[in-house]
Amino acid sequence: YPEAFPDARDPEHQSAAALAALAAERLAAGDGGFLDPLPMYLR
C-alpha cells in the first residue's frame, strides 16, 4: 500500500534470525519481555 505508506523500508519479510537475536539479547539482559506462546489473531 505505497499510497498510504510512501516511505517503505526493509526488511520486507520476517526473519527468525532477527527474532532469535532479539530473544538472546533479552535473555542475556534478564529483562524478560516475552509473551505467552499463544496466537495473537486480533480478529
PDB file of all heavy atoms in Angstrom:
ATOM      1  N   TYR A   1       0.836  -1.204   0.000  1.00  0.00           N
ATOM      2  CA  TYR A   1       0.000   0.000   0.000  1.00  0.00           C
ATOM      3  C   TYR A   1       0.870   1.253   0.000  1.00  0.00           C
ATOM      4  O   TYR A   1       0.878   2.029   0.967  1.00  0.00           O
ATOM      5  CB  TYR A   1      -0.937  -0.023   1.213  1.00  0.00           C
ATOM      6  CG  TYR A   1      -1.787  -1.266   1.283  1.00  0.00           C
ATOM      7  CD1 TYR A   1      -1.455  -2.308   2.153  1.00  0.00           C
ATOM      8  CD2 TYR A   1      -2.898  -1.414   0.456  1.00  0.00           C
ATOM      9  CE1 TYR A   1      -2.229  -3.469   2.200  1.00  0.00           C
ATOM     10  CE2 TYR A   1      -3.670  -2.574   0.498  1.00  0.00           C
ATOM     11  CZ  TYR A   1      -3.322  -3.592   1.365  1.00  0.00           C
ATOM     12  OH  TYR A   1      -4.085  -4.733   1.404  1.00  0.00           O
ATOM     13  N   PRO A   2       1.603   1.494  -1.096  1.00  0.00           N
ATOM     14  CA  PRO A   2       2.512   2.635  -1.137  1.00  0.00           C
ATOM     15  C   PRO A   2       1.810   3.981  -1.060  1.00  0.00           C
ATOM     16  O   PRO A   2       2.420   4.974  -0.647  1.00  0.00           O
ATOM     17  CB  PRO A   2       3.240   2.452  -2.477  1.00  0.00           C
ATOM     18  CG  PRO A   2       2.306   1.622  -3.311  1.00  0.00           C
ATOM     19  CD  PRO A   2       1.635   0.698  -2.340  1.00  0.00           C
ATOM     20  N   GLU A   3       0.530   4.035  -1.444  1.00  0.00           N
ATOM     21  CA  GLU A   3      -0.190   5.301  -1.362  1.00  0.00           C
ATOM     22  C   GLU A   3      -0.398   5.725   0.100  1.00  0.00           C
ATOM     23  O   GLU A   3      -0.459   6.918   0.406  1.00  0.00           O
ATOM     24  CB  GLU A   3      -1.537   5.196  -2.083  1.00  0.00           C
ATOM     25  CG  GLU A   3      -2.572   4.289  -1.451  1.00  0.00           C
ATOM     26  CD  GLU A   3      -2.313   2.794  -1.636  1.00  0.00           C
ATOM     27  OE1 GLU A   3      -1.359   2.437  -2.360  1.00  0.00           O
ATOM     28  OE2 GLU A   3      -3.071   1.990  -1.056  1.00  0.00           O
ATOM     29  N   ALA A   4      -0.490   4.749   1.000  1.00  0.00           N
ATOM     30  CA  ALA A   4      -0.655   5.052   2.425  1.00  0.00           C
ATOM     31  C   ALA A   4       0.685   5.140   3.144  1.00  0.00           C
ATOM     32  O   ALA A   4       0.830   5.889   4.111  1.00  0.00           O
ATOM     33  CB  ALA A   4      -1.532   3.988   3.097  1.00  0.00           C
ATOM     34  N   PHE A   5       1.672   4.359   2.666  1.00  0.00           N
ATOM     35  CA  PHE A   5       2.980   4.287   3.324  1.00  0.00           C
ATOM     36  C   PHE A   5       4.083   4.535   2.287  1.00  0.00           C
ATOM     37  O   PHE A   5       4.726   3.590   1.802  1.00  0.00           O
ATOM     38  CB  PHE A   5       3.169   2.915   3.975  1.00  0.00           C
ATOM     39  CG  PHE A   5       1.989   2.442   4.782  1.00  0.00           C
ATOM     40  CD1 PHE A   5       1.347   1.254   4.458  1.00  0.00           C
ATOM     41  CD2 PHE A   5       1.513   3.182   5.858  1.00  0.00           C
ATOM     42  CE1 PHE A   5       0.267   0.810   5.191  1.00  0.00           C
ATOM     43  CE2 PHE A   5       0.430   2.738   6.595  1.00  0.00           C
ATOM     44  CZ  PHE A   5      -0.210   1.547   6.266  1.00  0.00           C
ATOM     45  N   PRO A   6       4.316   5.783   1.918  1.00  0.00           N
ATOM     46  CA  PRO A   6       5.251   6.074   0.827  1.00  0.00           C
ATOM     47  C   PRO A   6       6.718   5.802   1.158  1.00  0.00           C
ATOM     48  O   PRO A   6       7.532   5.623   0.250  1.00  0.00           O
ATOM     49  CB  PRO A   6       5.019   7.557   0.549  1.00  0.00           C
ATOM     50  CG  PRO A   6       4.450   8.101   1.817  1.00  0.00           C
ATOM     51  CD  PRO A   6       3.637   6.998   2.407  1.00  0.00           C
ATOM     52  N   ASP A   7       7.069   5.786   2.455  1.00  0.00           N
ATOM     53  CA  ASP A   7       8.476   5.562   2.833  1.00  0.00           C
ATOM     54  C   ASP A   7       8.653   4.125   3.318  1.00  0.00           C
ATOM     55  O   ASP A   7       8.827   3.855   4.503  1.00  0.00           O
ATOM     56  CB  ASP A   7       8.889   6.555   3.921  1.00  0.00           C
ATOM     57  CG  ASP A   7      10.388   6.516   4.208  1.00  0.00           C
ATOM     58  OD1 ASP A   7      11.114   5.748   3.536  1.00  0.00           O
ATOM     59  OD2 ASP A   7      10.836   7.246   5.117  1.00  0.00           O
ATOM     60  N   ALA A   8       8.608   3.172   2.388  1.00  0.00           N
ATOM     61  CA  ALA A   8       8.749   1.753   2.729  1.00  0.00           C
ATOM     62  C   ALA A   8      10.218   1.418   2.960  1.00  0.00           C
ATOM     63  O   ALA A   8      11.092   1.843   2.201  1.00  0.00           O
ATOM     64  CB  ALA A   8       8.184   0.882   1.610  1.00  0.00           C
ATOM     65  N   ARG A   9      10.466   0.629   3.999  1.00  0.00           N
ATOM     66  CA  ARG A   9      11.836   0.250   4.342  1.00  0.00           C
ATOM     67  C   ARG A   9      11.958  -1.278   4.455  1.00  0.00           C
ATOM     68  O   ARG A   9      10.987  -1.982   4.726  1.00  0.00           O
ATOM     69  CB  ARG A   9      12.235   0.875   5.675  1.00  0.00           C
ATOM     70  CG  ARG A   9      12.167   2.396   5.703  1.00  0.00           C
ATOM     71  CD  ARG A   9      13.323   3.052   4.984  1.00  0.00           C
ATOM     72  NE  ARG A   9      13.254   4.515   5.102  1.00  0.00           N
ATOM     73  CZ  ARG A   9      13.852   5.209   6.070  1.00  0.00           C
ATOM     74  NH1 ARG A   9      14.564   4.582   6.986  1.00  0.00           N
ATOM     75  NH2 ARG A   9      13.733   6.525   6.107  1.00  0.00           N
ATOM     76  N   ASP A  10      13.171  -1.774   4.287  1.00  0.00           N
ATOM     77  CA  ASP A  10      13.474  -3.181   4.512  1.00  0.00           C
ATOM     78  C   ASP A  10      13.618  -3.449   6.000  1.00  0.00           C
ATOM     79  O   ASP A  10      13.937  -2.538   6.771  1.00  0.00           O
ATOM     80  CB  ASP A  10      14.776  -3.552   3.791  1.00  0.00           C
ATOM     81  CG  ASP A  10      14.616  -3.563   2.277  1.00  0.00           C
ATOM     82  OD1 ASP A  10      13.488  -3.803   1.817  1.00  0.00           O
ATOM     83  OD2 ASP A  10      15.615  -3.333   1.581  1.00  0.00           O
ATOM     84  N   PRO A  11      13.411  -4.710   6.437  1.00  0.00           N
ATOM     85  CA  PRO A  11      13.120  -5.877   5.603  1.00  0.00           C
ATOM     86  C   PRO A  11      11.639  -5.965   5.230  1.00  0.00           C
ATOM     87  O   PRO A  11      10.783  -5.473   5.962  1.00  0.00           O
ATOM     88  CB  PRO A  11      13.521  -7.045   6.507  1.00  0.00           C
ATOM     89  CG  PRO A  11      13.252  -6.545   7.886  1.00  0.00           C
ATOM     90  CD  PRO A  11      13.603  -5.080   7.858  1.00  0.00           C
ATOM     91  N   GLU A  12      11.393  -6.621   4.117  1.00  0.00           N
ATOM     92  CA  GLU A  12      10.012  -6.844   3.705  1.00  0.00           C
ATOM     93  C   GLU A  12       9.402  -8.016   4.448  1.00  0.00           C
ATOM     94  O   GLU A  12       8.224  -7.999   4.811  1.00  0.00           O
ATOM     95  CB  GLU A  12       9.960  -7.098   2.196  1.00  0.00           C
ATOM     96  CG  GLU A  12       8.550  -7.323   1.654  1.00  0.00           C
ATOM     97  CD  GLU A  12       8.531  -7.505   0.156  1.00  0.00           C
ATOM     98  OE1 GLU A  12       9.592  -7.388  -0.484  1.00  0.00           O
ATOM     99  OE2 GLU A  12       7.436  -7.754  -0.390  1.00  0.00           O
ATOM    100  N   HIS A  13      10.212  -9.076   4.670  1.00  0.00           N
ATOM    101  CA  HIS A  13       9.700 -10.314   5.265  1.00  0.00           C
ATOM    102  C   HIS A  13      10.366 -10.621   6.605  1.00  0.00           C
ATOM    103  O   HIS A  13      11.500 -10.210   6.864  1.00  0.00           O
ATOM    104  CB  HIS A  13       9.906 -11.486   4.309  1.00  0.00           C
ATOM    105  CG  HIS A  13       9.134 -11.356   3.030  1.00  0.00           C
ATOM    106  ND1 HIS A  13       7.755 -11.401   2.991  1.00  0.00           N
ATOM    107  CD2 HIS A  13       9.549 -11.151   1.750  1.00  0.00           C
ATOM    108  CE1 HIS A  13       7.352 -11.247   1.743  1.00  0.00           C
ATOM    109  NE2 HIS A  13       8.415 -11.085   0.979  1.00  0.00           N
ATOM    110  N   GLN A  14       9.666 -11.364   7.411  1.00  0.00           N
ATOM    111  CA  GLN A  14      10.141 -11.766   8.724  1.00  0.00           C
ATOM    112  C   GLN A  14      11.358 -12.678   8.621  1.00  0.00           C
ATOM    113  O   GLN A  14      11.504 -13.447   7.665  1.00  0.00           O
ATOM    114  CB  GLN A  14       9.020 -12.488   9.489  1.00  0.00           C
ATOM    115  CG  GLN A  14       9.407 -13.093  10.819  1.00  0.00           C
ATOM    116  CD  GLN A  14       9.706 -12.047  11.886  1.00  0.00           C
ATOM    117  OE1 GLN A  14      10.445 -11.104  11.654  1.00  0.00           O
ATOM    118  NE2 GLN A  14       9.132 -12.214  13.058  1.00  0.00           N
ATOM    119  N   SER A  15      12.232 -12.587   9.617  1.00  0.00           N
ATOM    120  CA  SER A  15      13.419 -13.433   9.702  1.00  0.00           C
ATOM    121  C   SER A  15      13.526 -14.007  11.106  1.00  0.00           C
ATOM    122  O   SER A  15      13.592 -13.255  12.084  1.00  0.00           O
ATOM    123  CB  SER A  15      14.679 -12.622   9.382  1.00  0.00           C
ATOM    124  OG  SER A  15      15.832 -13.293   9.820  1.00  0.00           O
ATOM    125  N   ALA A  16      13.558 -15.345  11.205  1.00  0.00           N
ATOM    126  CA  ALA A  16      13.729 -15.974  12.512  1.00  0.00           C
ATOM    127  C   ALA A  16      15.096 -15.660  13.091  1.00  0.00           C
ATOM    128  O   ALA A  16      15.290 -15.701  14.305  1.00  0.00           O
ATOM    129  CB  ALA A  16      13.537 -17.482  12.398  1.00  0.00           C
ATOM    130  N   ALA A  17      16.070 -15.344  12.234  1.00  0.00           N
ATOM    131  CA  ALA A  17      17.400 -14.963  12.717  1.00  0.00           C
ATOM    132  C   ALA A  17      17.308 -13.701  13.579  1.00  0.00           C
ATOM    133  O   ALA A  17      17.920 -13.615  14.651  1.00  0.00           O
ATOM    134  CB  ALA A  17      18.343 -14.741  11.536  1.00  0.00           C
ATOM    135  N   ALA A  18      16.536 -12.714  13.121  1.00  0.00           N
ATOM    136  CA  ALA A  18      16.355 -11.492  13.896  1.00  0.00           C
ATOM    137  C   ALA A  18      15.570 -11.769  15.173  1.00  0.00           C
ATOM    138  O   ALA A  18      15.890 -11.239  16.244  1.00  0.00           O
ATOM    139  CB  ALA A  18      15.640 -10.441  13.056  1.00  0.00           C
ATOM    140  N   LEU A  19      14.554 -12.608  15.065  1.00  0.00           N
ATOM    141  CA  LEU A  19      13.750 -12.953  16.239  1.00  0.00           C
ATOM    142  C   LEU A  19      14.611 -13.649  17.286  1.00  0.00           C
ATOM    143  O   LEU A  19      14.515 -13.359  18.484  1.00  0.00           O
ATOM    144  CB  LEU A  19      12.594 -13.866  15.805  1.00  0.00           C
ATOM    145  CG  LEU A  19      11.341 -13.868  16.676  1.00  0.00           C
ATOM    146  CD1 LEU A  19      10.633 -12.525  16.607  1.00  0.00           C
ATOM    147  CD2 LEU A  19      10.393 -14.978  16.228  1.00  0.00           C
ATOM    148  N   ALA A  20      15.477 -14.566  16.837  1.00  0.00           N
ATOM    149  CA  ALA A  20      16.367 -15.278  17.758  1.00  0.00           C
ATOM    150  C   ALA A  20      17.366 -14.330  18.402  1.00  0.00           C
ATOM    151  O   ALA A  20      17.648 -14.428  19.605  1.00  0.00           O
ATOM    152  CB  ALA A  20      17.098 -16.391  17.007  1.00  0.00           C
ATOM    153  N   ALA A  21      17.921 -13.409  17.619  1.00  0.00           N
ATOM    154  CA  ALA A  21      18.891 -12.458  18.158  1.00  0.00           C
ATOM    155  C   ALA A  21      18.250 -11.552  19.201  1.00  0.00           C
ATOM    156  O   ALA A  21      18.850 -11.247  20.236  1.00  0.00           O
ATOM    157  CB  ALA A  21      19.497 -11.631  17.026  1.00  0.00           C
ATOM    158  N   LEU A  22      17.020 -11.123  18.939  1.00  0.00           N
ATOM    159  CA  LEU A  22      16.300 -10.296  19.909  1.00  0.00           C
ATOM    160  C   LEU A  22      16.044 -11.074  21.190  1.00  0.00           C
ATOM    161  O   LEU A  22      16.238 -10.550  22.296  1.00  0.00           O
ATOM    162  CB  LEU A  22      14.979  -9.825  19.298  1.00  0.00           C
ATOM    163  CG  LEU A  22      14.051  -9.030  20.217  1.00  0.00           C
ATOM    164  CD1 LEU A  22      14.723  -7.772  20.741  1.00  0.00           C
ATOM    165  CD2 LEU A  22      12.754  -8.674  19.481  1.00  0.00           C
ATOM    166  N   ALA A  23      15.624 -12.335  21.060  1.00  0.00           N
ATOM    167  CA  ALA A  23      15.375 -13.160  22.242  1.00  0.00           C
ATOM    168  C   ALA A  23      16.656 -13.381  23.037  1.00  0.00           C
ATOM    169  O   ALA A  23      16.658 -13.294  24.275  1.00  0.00           O
ATOM    170  CB  ALA A  23      14.777 -14.504  21.822  1.00  0.00           C
ATOM    171  N   ALA A  24      17.768 -13.667  22.352  1.00  0.00           N
ATOM    172  CA  ALA A  24      19.039 -13.889  23.036  1.00  0.00           C
ATOM    173  C   ALA A  24      19.476 -12.641  23.789  1.00  0.00           C
ATOM    174  O   ALA A  24      19.982 -12.718  24.923  1.00  0.00           O
ATOM    175  CB  ALA A  24      20.107 -14.292  22.023  1.00  0.00           C
ATOM    176  N   GLU A  25      19.252 -11.483  23.186  1.00  0.00           N
ATOM    177  CA  GLU A  25      19.602 -10.215  23.833  1.00  0.00           C
ATOM    178  C   GLU A  25      18.783 -10.015  25.103  1.00  0.00           C
ATOM    179  O   GLU A  25      19.320  -9.618  26.146  1.00  0.00           O
ATOM    180  CB  GLU A  25      19.367  -9.077  22.844  1.00  0.00           C
ATOM    181  CG  GLU A  25      19.809  -7.721  23.326  1.00  0.00           C
ATOM    182  CD  GLU A  25      19.613  -6.658  22.250  1.00  0.00           C
ATOM    183  OE1 GLU A  25      20.374  -6.656  21.265  1.00  0.00           O
ATOM    184  OE2 GLU A  25      18.681  -5.833  22.408  1.00  0.00           O
ATOM    185  N   ARG A  26      17.498 -10.299  25.017  1.00  0.00           N
ATOM    186  CA  ARG A  26      16.635 -10.113  26.194  1.00  0.00           C
ATOM    187  C   ARG A  26      16.953 -11.134  27.284  1.00  0.00           C
ATOM    188  O   ARG A  26      16.937 -10.798  28.485  1.00  0.00           O
ATOM    189  CB  ARG A  26      15.167 -10.217  25.775  1.00  0.00           C
ATOM    190  CG  ARG A  26      14.702  -9.038  24.941  1.00  0.00           C
ATOM    191  CD  ARG A  26      13.220  -9.107  24.621  1.00  0.00           C
ATOM    192  NE  ARG A  26      12.791  -7.934  23.865  1.00  0.00           N
ATOM    193  CZ  ARG A  26      11.548  -7.723  23.460  1.00  0.00           C
ATOM    194  NH1 ARG A  26      10.595  -8.607  23.751  1.00  0.00           N
ATOM    195  NH2 ARG A  26      11.231  -6.639  22.776  1.00  0.00           N
ATOM    196  N   LEU A  27      17.257 -12.358  26.900  1.00  0.00           N
ATOM    197  CA  LEU A  27      17.616 -13.373  27.891  1.00  0.00           C
ATOM    198  C   LEU A  27      18.918 -13.009  28.591  1.00  0.00           C
ATOM    199  O   LEU A  27      19.048 -13.159  29.809  1.00  0.00           O
ATOM    200  CB  LEU A  27      17.737 -14.745  27.224  1.00  0.00           C
ATOM    201  CG  LEU A  27      16.412 -15.409  26.832  1.00  0.00           C
ATOM    202  CD1 LEU A  27      16.671 -16.613  25.929  1.00  0.00           C
ATOM    203  CD2 LEU A  27      15.628 -15.848  28.076  1.00  0.00           C
ATOM    204  N   ALA A  28      19.891 -12.527  27.830  1.00  0.00           N
ATOM    205  CA  ALA A  28      21.175 -12.151  28.419  1.00  0.00           C
ATOM    206  C   ALA A  28      21.019 -10.981  29.386  1.00  0.00           C
ATOM    207  O   ALA A  28      21.700 -10.916  30.413  1.00  0.00           O
ATOM    208  CB  ALA A  28      22.169 -11.798  27.316  1.00  0.00           C
ATOM    209  N   ALA A  29      20.109 -10.063  29.058  1.00  0.00           N
ATOM    210  CA  ALA A  29      19.886  -8.898  29.912  1.00  0.00           C
ATOM    211  C   ALA A  29      19.017  -9.234  31.118  1.00  0.00           C
ATOM    212  O   ALA A  29      18.977  -8.466  32.089  1.00  0.00           O
ATOM    213  CB  ALA A  29      19.245  -7.777  29.107  1.00  0.00           C
ATOM    214  N   GLY A  30      18.304 -10.361  31.032  1.00  0.00           N
ATOM    215  CA  GLY A  30      17.434 -10.770  32.125  1.00  0.00           C
ATOM    216  C   GLY A  30      16.243  -9.873  32.325  1.00  0.00           C
ATOM    217  O   GLY A  30      15.662  -9.819  33.414  1.00  0.00           O
ATOM    218  N   ASP A  31      15.848  -9.159  31.255  1.00  0.00           N
ATOM    219  CA  ASP A  31      14.744  -8.207  31.411  1.00  0.00           C
ATOM    220  C   ASP A  31      13.404  -8.734  30.913  1.00  0.00           C
ATOM    221  O   ASP A  31      12.424  -8.002  30.839  1.00  0.00           O
ATOM    222  CB  ASP A  31      15.073  -6.890  30.701  1.00  0.00           C
ATOM    223  CG  ASP A  31      15.299  -7.057  29.194  1.00  0.00           C
ATOM    224  OD1 ASP A  31      15.199  -8.194  28.712  1.00  0.00           O
ATOM    225  OD2 ASP A  31      15.571  -6.043  28.524  1.00  0.00           O
ATOM    226  N   GLY A  32      13.342 -10.009  30.581  1.00  0.00           N
ATOM    227  CA  GLY A  32      12.065 -10.604  30.171  1.00  0.00           C
ATOM    228  C   GLY A  32      11.563 -10.008  28.872  1.00  0.00           C
ATOM    229  O   GLY A  32      12.282  -9.939  27.886  1.00  0.00           O
ATOM    230  N   GLY A  33      10.303  -9.582  28.898  1.00  0.00           N
ATOM    231  CA  GLY A  33       9.715  -9.022  27.693  1.00  0.00           C
ATOM    232  C   GLY A  33       9.146 -10.058  26.759  1.00  0.00           C
ATOM    233  O   GLY A  33       8.840  -9.752  25.605  1.00  0.00           O
ATOM    234  N   PHE A  34       8.982 -11.287  27.259  1.00  0.00           N
ATOM    235  CA  PHE A  34       8.438 -12.349  26.423  1.00  0.00           C
ATOM    236  C   PHE A  34       6.935 -12.487  26.626  1.00  0.00           C
ATOM    237  O   PHE A  34       6.387 -12.136  27.675  1.00  0.00           O
ATOM    238  CB  PHE A  34       9.134 -13.675  26.728  1.00  0.00           C
ATOM    239  CG  PHE A  34      10.586 -13.674  26.364  1.00  0.00           C
ATOM    240  CD1 PHE A  34      11.569 -13.577  27.345  1.00  0.00           C
ATOM    241  CD2 PHE A  34      10.980 -13.750  25.040  1.00  0.00           C
ATOM    242  CE1 PHE A  34      12.907 -13.567  27.007  1.00  0.00           C
ATOM    243  CE2 PHE A  34      12.321 -13.728  24.687  1.00  0.00           C
ATOM    244  CZ  PHE A  34      13.291 -13.638  25.675  1.00  0.00           C
ATOM    245  N   LEU A  35       6.280 -13.020  25.614  1.00  0.00           N
ATOM    246  CA  LEU A  35       4.841 -13.245  25.647  1.00  0.00           C
ATOM    247  C   LEU A  35       4.550 -14.723  25.808  1.00  0.00           C
ATOM    248  O   LEU A  35       5.379 -15.581  25.463  1.00  0.00           O
ATOM    249  CB  LEU A  35       4.208 -12.753  24.338  1.00  0.00           C
ATOM    250  CG  LEU A  35       4.460 -11.293  23.967  1.00  0.00           C
ATOM    251  CD1 LEU A  35       3.919 -11.009  22.567  1.00  0.00           C
ATOM    252  CD2 LEU A  35       3.827 -10.362  24.990  1.00  0.00           C
ATOM    253  N   ASP A  36       3.378 -15.034  26.326  1.00  0.00           N
ATOM    254  CA  ASP A  36       2.947 -16.428  26.344  1.00  0.00           C
ATOM    255  C   ASP A  36       2.855 -16.924  24.900  1.00  0.00           C
ATOM    256  O   ASP A  36       2.442 -16.164  24.012  1.00  0.00           O
ATOM    257  CB  ASP A  36       1.584 -16.573  27.024  1.00  0.00           C
ATOM    258  CG  ASP A  36       1.650 -16.296  28.514  1.00  0.00           C
ATOM    259  OD1 ASP A  36       2.728 -16.491  29.106  1.00  0.00           O
ATOM    260  OD2 ASP A  36       0.620 -15.882  29.085  1.00  0.00           O
ATOM    261  N   PRO A  37       3.228 -18.178  24.653  1.00  0.00           N
ATOM    262  CA  PRO A  37       3.194 -18.709  23.279  1.00  0.00           C
ATOM    263  C   PRO A  37       1.775 -19.043  22.825  1.00  0.00           C
ATOM    264  O   PRO A  37       1.427 -20.182  22.527  1.00  0.00           O
ATOM    265  CB  PRO A  37       4.077 -19.950  23.361  1.00  0.00           C
ATOM    266  CG  PRO A  37       3.921 -20.412  24.776  1.00  0.00           C
ATOM    267  CD  PRO A  37       3.800 -19.153  25.608  1.00  0.00           C
ATOM    268  N   LEU A  38       0.963 -18.006  22.770  1.00  0.00           N
ATOM    269  CA  LEU A  38      -0.434 -18.134  22.362  1.00  0.00           C
ATOM    270  C   LEU A  38      -0.675 -17.244  21.145  1.00  0.00           C
ATOM    271  O   LEU A  38      -0.072 -16.176  21.021  1.00  0.00           O
ATOM    272  CB  LEU A  38      -1.369 -17.717  23.502  1.00  0.00           C
ATOM    273  CG  LEU A  38      -1.240 -18.519  24.792  1.00  0.00           C
ATOM    274  CD1 LEU A  38      -2.089 -17.890  25.893  1.00  0.00           C
ATOM    275  CD2 LEU A  38      -1.652 -19.971  24.564  1.00  0.00           C
ATOM    276  N   PRO A  39      -1.562 -17.650  20.245  1.00  0.00           N
ATOM    277  CA  PRO A  39      -1.737 -16.902  18.992  1.00  0.00           C
ATOM    278  C   PRO A  39      -2.357 -15.527  19.196  1.00  0.00           C
ATOM    279  O   PRO A  39      -3.338 -15.363  19.912  1.00  0.00           O
ATOM    280  CB  PRO A  39      -2.659 -17.802  18.170  1.00  0.00           C
ATOM    281  CG  PRO A  39      -3.394 -18.636  19.182  1.00  0.00           C
ATOM    282  CD  PRO A  39      -2.409 -18.861  20.294  1.00  0.00           C
ATOM    283  N   MET A  40      -1.761 -14.540  18.549  1.00  0.00           N
ATOM    284  CA  MET A  40      -2.282 -13.182  18.537  1.00  0.00           C
ATOM    285  C   MET A  40      -3.003 -12.994  17.194  1.00  0.00           C
ATOM    286  O   MET A  40      -2.385 -12.678  16.184  1.00  0.00           O
ATOM    287  CB  MET A  40      -1.137 -12.165  18.673  1.00  0.00           C
ATOM    288  CG  MET A  40      -1.598 -10.727  18.838  1.00  0.00           C
ATOM    289  SD  MET A  40      -0.214  -9.537  18.784  1.00  0.00           S
ATOM    290  CE  MET A  40       0.758 -10.043  20.195  1.00  0.00           C
ATOM    291  N   TYR A  41      -4.305 -13.228  17.192  1.00  0.00           N
ATOM    292  CA  TYR A  41      -5.074 -13.160  15.945  1.00  0.00           C
ATOM    293  C   TYR A  41      -5.584 -11.752  15.638  1.00  0.00           C
ATOM    294  O   TYR A  41      -5.590 -11.312  14.498  1.00  0.00           O
ATOM    295  CB  TYR A  41      -6.277 -14.109  16.005  1.00  0.00           C
ATOM    296  CG  TYR A  41      -5.924 -15.572  16.047  1.00  0.00           C
ATOM    297  CD1 TYR A  41      -6.510 -16.415  16.984  1.00  0.00           C
ATOM    298  CD2 TYR A  41      -5.023 -16.119  15.138  1.00  0.00           C
ATOM    299  CE1 TYR A  41      -6.202 -17.761  17.020  1.00  0.00           C
ATOM    300  CE2 TYR A  41      -4.707 -17.459  15.173  1.00  0.00           C
ATOM    301  CZ  TYR A  41      -5.303 -18.292  16.121  1.00  0.00           C
ATOM    302  OH  TYR A  41      -4.999 -19.619  16.153  1.00  0.00           O
ATOM    303  N   LEU A  42      -6.073 -11.050  16.648  1.00  0.00           N
ATOM    304  CA  LEU A  42      -6.656  -9.710  16.543  1.00  0.00           C
ATOM    305  C   LEU A  42      -8.010  -9.668  15.844  1.00  0.00           C
ATOM    306  O   LEU A  42      -8.667  -8.636  15.835  1.00  0.00           O
ATOM    307  CB  LEU A  42      -5.698  -8.727  15.848  1.00  0.00           C
ATOM    308  CG  LEU A  42      -4.339  -8.525  16.513  1.00  0.00           C
ATOM    309  CD1 LEU A  42      -3.575  -7.406  15.800  1.00  0.00           C
ATOM    310  CD2 LEU A  42      -4.473  -8.204  17.990  1.00  0.00           C
ATOM    311  N   ARG A  43      -8.413 -10.778  15.250  1.00  0.00           N
ATOM    312  CA  ARG A  43      -9.748 -10.834  14.648  1.00  0.00           C
ATOM    313  C   ARG A  43     -10.126 -12.297  14.472  1.00  0.00           C
ATOM    314  O   ARG A  43      -9.310 -13.197  14.654  1.00  0.00           O
ATOM    315  CB  ARG A  43      -9.784 -10.098  13.307  1.00  0.00           C
ATOM    316  CG  ARG A  43      -8.969 -10.756  12.221  1.00  0.00           C
ATOM    317  CD  ARG A  43      -8.966  -9.921  10.946  1.00  0.00           C
ATOM    318  NE  ARG A  43      -8.255 -10.610   9.888  1.00  0.00           N
ATOM    319  CZ  ARG A  43      -7.745 -10.014   8.823  1.00  0.00           C
ATOM    320  NH1 ARG A  43      -7.876  -8.709   8.666  1.00  0.00           N
ATOM    321  NH2 ARG A  43      -7.117 -10.711   7.903  1.00  0.00           N
TER     322      ARG A  43
END
